[in-house]
N, C-alpha and C. Protein backbone atom coordinates (compact mmCIF):
# COMPACT_ATOMS: atom_id res chain seq x y z
N MET A 1 7.33 -20.06 4.89
CA MET A 1 7.06 -18.85 4.12
C MET A 1 5.96 -18.03 4.80
N VAL A 2 4.93 -18.73 5.23
CA VAL A 2 3.82 -18.01 5.89
C VAL A 2 4.27 -17.36 7.18
N LYS A 3 5.12 -18.08 7.92
CA LYS A 3 5.61 -17.53 9.18
C LYS A 3 6.46 -16.29 8.94
N GLN A 4 7.26 -16.31 7.87
CA GLN A 4 8.10 -15.16 7.56
C GLN A 4 7.24 -13.95 7.21
N LEU A 5 6.22 -14.16 6.39
CA LEU A 5 5.34 -13.04 6.01
C LEU A 5 4.58 -12.53 7.22
N ASP A 6 4.16 -13.46 8.11
CA ASP A 6 3.45 -13.05 9.30
C ASP A 6 4.36 -12.23 10.22
N LYS A 7 5.62 -12.63 10.31
CA LYS A 7 6.56 -11.87 11.13
C LYS A 7 6.79 -10.46 10.55
N LYS A 8 6.84 -10.37 9.24
CA LYS A 8 7.05 -9.07 8.61
C LYS A 8 5.83 -8.15 8.86
N ILE A 9 4.65 -8.76 8.82
CA ILE A 9 3.45 -7.95 9.09
C ILE A 9 3.45 -7.48 10.52
N LYS A 10 3.84 -8.37 11.43
CA LYS A 10 3.87 -7.98 12.84
C LYS A 10 4.94 -6.94 13.12
N ARG A 11 6.03 -7.01 12.41
CA ARG A 11 7.09 -6.00 12.61
C ARG A 11 6.71 -4.65 12.02
N GLY A 12 5.73 -4.62 11.17
CA GLY A 12 5.23 -3.33 10.66
C GLY A 12 5.81 -2.92 9.32
N HIS A 13 6.46 -3.85 8.60
CA HIS A 13 7.02 -3.48 7.31
C HIS A 13 5.93 -3.03 6.35
N TYR A 14 4.81 -3.72 6.35
CA TYR A 14 3.76 -3.35 5.42
C TYR A 14 3.10 -2.02 5.79
N PHE A 15 3.01 -1.77 7.10
CA PHE A 15 2.41 -0.53 7.53
C PHE A 15 3.29 0.64 7.24
N ILE A 16 4.60 0.43 7.25
CA ILE A 16 5.52 1.47 6.82
C ILE A 16 5.34 1.76 5.34
N GLY A 17 5.09 0.71 4.56
CA GLY A 17 4.80 0.87 3.13
C GLY A 17 3.55 1.67 2.89
N VAL A 18 2.51 1.40 3.68
CA VAL A 18 1.25 2.15 3.57
C VAL A 18 1.51 3.60 3.95
N LEU A 19 2.32 3.83 4.96
CA LEU A 19 2.64 5.20 5.34
C LEU A 19 3.38 5.94 4.25
N ILE A 20 4.31 5.28 3.59
CA ILE A 20 5.05 5.91 2.48
C ILE A 20 4.12 6.22 1.33
N LEU A 21 3.23 5.26 0.98
CA LEU A 21 2.29 5.52 -0.11
C LEU A 21 1.35 6.67 0.21
N SER A 22 0.91 6.76 1.45
CA SER A 22 0.05 7.85 1.88
C SER A 22 0.77 9.20 1.79
N SER A 23 2.01 9.20 2.20
CA SER A 23 2.79 10.46 2.14
C SER A 23 3.04 10.87 0.69
N VAL A 24 3.23 9.93 -0.22
CA VAL A 24 3.38 10.26 -1.64
C VAL A 24 2.09 10.86 -2.15
N PHE A 25 0.93 10.30 -1.77
CA PHE A 25 -0.36 10.85 -2.21
C PHE A 25 -0.55 12.26 -1.68
N ILE A 26 -0.22 12.49 -0.41
CA ILE A 26 -0.35 13.82 0.17
C ILE A 26 0.56 14.81 -0.53
N ALA A 27 1.79 14.38 -0.85
CA ALA A 27 2.72 15.26 -1.54
C ALA A 27 2.22 15.62 -2.93
N LEU A 28 1.66 14.63 -3.65
CA LEU A 28 1.11 14.90 -4.98
C LEU A 28 -0.08 15.85 -4.90
N THR A 29 -0.92 15.67 -3.88
CA THR A 29 -2.08 16.54 -3.71
C THR A 29 -1.63 17.97 -3.40
N LEU A 30 -0.66 18.11 -2.51
CA LEU A 30 -0.14 19.46 -2.22
C LEU A 30 0.49 20.11 -3.44
N PHE A 31 1.22 19.32 -4.23
CA PHE A 31 1.80 19.84 -5.47
C PHE A 31 0.72 20.32 -6.41
N TYR A 32 -0.40 19.59 -6.47
CA TYR A 32 -1.51 20.00 -7.34
C TYR A 32 -2.15 21.30 -6.83
N PHE A 33 -2.30 21.43 -5.54
CA PHE A 33 -2.90 22.68 -5.01
C PHE A 33 -1.97 23.86 -5.12
N ILE A 34 -0.64 23.64 -5.01
CA ILE A 34 0.30 24.75 -5.12
C ILE A 34 0.40 25.23 -6.58
N SER A 35 0.52 24.29 -7.51
CA SER A 35 0.63 24.71 -8.92
C SER A 35 -0.33 23.87 -9.77
N PRO A 36 -1.59 24.27 -9.81
CA PRO A 36 -2.54 23.50 -10.63
C PRO A 36 -2.21 23.62 -12.12
N GLY A 37 -2.33 22.54 -12.79
CA GLY A 37 -2.06 22.52 -14.22
C GLY A 37 -2.20 21.10 -14.74
N GLU A 38 -1.90 20.93 -16.03
CA GLU A 38 -2.05 19.62 -16.60
C GLU A 38 -1.05 18.61 -16.05
N LEU A 39 0.19 19.04 -15.86
CA LEU A 39 1.23 18.12 -15.38
C LEU A 39 0.91 17.62 -13.97
N SER A 40 0.58 18.54 -13.10
CA SER A 40 0.31 18.13 -11.71
C SER A 40 -0.96 17.30 -11.62
N ALA A 41 -1.97 17.63 -12.45
CA ALA A 41 -3.21 16.82 -12.46
C ALA A 41 -2.94 15.42 -12.97
N THR A 42 -2.09 15.30 -14.01
CA THR A 42 -1.75 14.00 -14.54
C THR A 42 -0.96 13.20 -13.54
N LEU A 43 0.00 13.83 -12.87
CA LEU A 43 0.78 13.13 -11.85
C LEU A 43 -0.13 12.66 -10.70
N LEU A 44 -1.05 13.52 -10.28
CA LEU A 44 -1.97 13.15 -9.20
C LEU A 44 -2.86 11.98 -9.63
N PHE A 45 -3.34 12.02 -10.86
CA PHE A 45 -4.23 10.96 -11.32
C PHE A 45 -3.52 9.62 -11.39
N PHE A 46 -2.38 9.58 -12.08
CA PHE A 46 -1.68 8.31 -12.22
C PHE A 46 -1.04 7.87 -10.92
N GLY A 47 -0.61 8.83 -10.12
CA GLY A 47 -0.08 8.47 -8.79
C GLY A 47 -1.14 7.85 -7.93
N THR A 48 -2.38 8.38 -7.99
CA THR A 48 -3.47 7.80 -7.22
C THR A 48 -3.82 6.40 -7.69
N ILE A 49 -3.83 6.21 -9.01
CA ILE A 49 -4.12 4.87 -9.56
C ILE A 49 -3.07 3.87 -9.09
N ILE A 50 -1.79 4.25 -9.14
CA ILE A 50 -0.73 3.35 -8.71
C ILE A 50 -0.81 3.05 -7.21
N ILE A 51 -1.09 4.09 -6.43
CA ILE A 51 -1.18 3.90 -4.96
C ILE A 51 -2.36 2.99 -4.62
N VAL A 52 -3.50 3.18 -5.26
CA VAL A 52 -4.66 2.31 -5.00
C VAL A 52 -4.35 0.87 -5.38
N PHE A 53 -3.68 0.69 -6.53
CA PHE A 53 -3.29 -0.65 -6.96
C PHE A 53 -2.36 -1.31 -5.95
N LEU A 54 -1.36 -0.56 -5.47
CA LEU A 54 -0.42 -1.14 -4.51
C LEU A 54 -1.08 -1.44 -3.18
N LEU A 55 -2.00 -0.56 -2.74
CA LEU A 55 -2.72 -0.82 -1.49
C LEU A 55 -3.63 -2.06 -1.62
N ALA A 56 -4.26 -2.22 -2.76
CA ALA A 56 -5.09 -3.41 -2.98
C ALA A 56 -4.22 -4.66 -2.99
N LEU A 57 -3.05 -4.59 -3.62
CA LEU A 57 -2.13 -5.72 -3.64
C LEU A 57 -1.67 -6.04 -2.21
N LEU A 58 -1.43 -5.02 -1.43
CA LEU A 58 -1.02 -5.24 -0.04
C LEU A 58 -2.13 -5.91 0.77
N LEU A 59 -3.36 -5.48 0.59
CA LEU A 59 -4.49 -6.10 1.29
C LEU A 59 -4.68 -7.56 0.85
N ILE A 60 -4.52 -7.83 -0.42
CA ILE A 60 -4.63 -9.21 -0.90
C ILE A 60 -3.53 -10.06 -0.30
N LEU A 61 -2.33 -9.54 -0.24
CA LEU A 61 -1.21 -10.28 0.33
C LEU A 61 -1.44 -10.58 1.81
N MET A 62 -1.95 -9.57 2.55
CA MET A 62 -2.22 -9.78 3.95
C MET A 62 -3.34 -10.79 4.16
N GLY A 63 -4.35 -10.77 3.28
CA GLY A 63 -5.43 -11.74 3.37
C GLY A 63 -4.97 -13.14 3.08
N ILE A 64 -4.12 -13.29 2.06
CA ILE A 64 -3.59 -14.62 1.73
C ILE A 64 -2.77 -15.18 2.87
N THR A 65 -1.93 -14.32 3.47
CA THR A 65 -1.11 -14.83 4.57
C THR A 65 -1.96 -15.24 5.76
N SER A 66 -3.03 -14.51 6.04
CA SER A 66 -3.89 -14.91 7.16
C SER A 66 -4.64 -16.17 6.85
N ILE A 67 -5.08 -16.36 5.60
CA ILE A 67 -5.76 -17.60 5.23
C ILE A 67 -4.80 -18.78 5.32
N LEU A 68 -3.59 -18.60 4.78
CA LEU A 68 -2.61 -19.68 4.85
C LEU A 68 -2.21 -19.99 6.29
N LYS A 69 -2.12 -19.00 7.11
CA LYS A 69 -1.79 -19.26 8.51
C LYS A 69 -2.91 -20.01 9.21
N THR A 70 -4.16 -19.65 8.91
CA THR A 70 -5.30 -20.38 9.48
C THR A 70 -5.32 -21.83 9.03
N LEU A 71 -5.08 -22.06 7.74
CA LEU A 71 -5.02 -23.43 7.25
C LEU A 71 -3.89 -24.20 7.86
N GLN A 72 -2.76 -23.56 8.05
CA GLN A 72 -1.58 -24.21 8.64
C GLN A 72 -1.85 -24.54 10.12
N ASP A 73 -2.54 -23.68 10.83
CA ASP A 73 -2.84 -23.93 12.25
C ASP A 73 -3.86 -25.06 12.42
N ASN A 74 -4.74 -25.24 11.44
CA ASN A 74 -5.76 -26.29 11.54
C ASN A 74 -5.19 -27.68 11.27
N HIS A 75 -4.08 -27.78 10.58
CA HIS A 75 -3.51 -29.08 10.23
C HIS A 75 -2.39 -29.42 11.09
């Protein structure tokens, strides 16, 4: 399992996910600047919260895989 996750990280699947999340954030920000209002502000706020949560989850997953790989290499 650790080797599969490590291969996915090396192939760049997670970085593509980060790129997609960043582009969604940029799109929401541009939408807010084009038409400021309650709807766009709410979308930007909740979109930012979701993106930050997903990025934190991604960092935790990458940290766990590196820790598990280190433990597996030591044994």
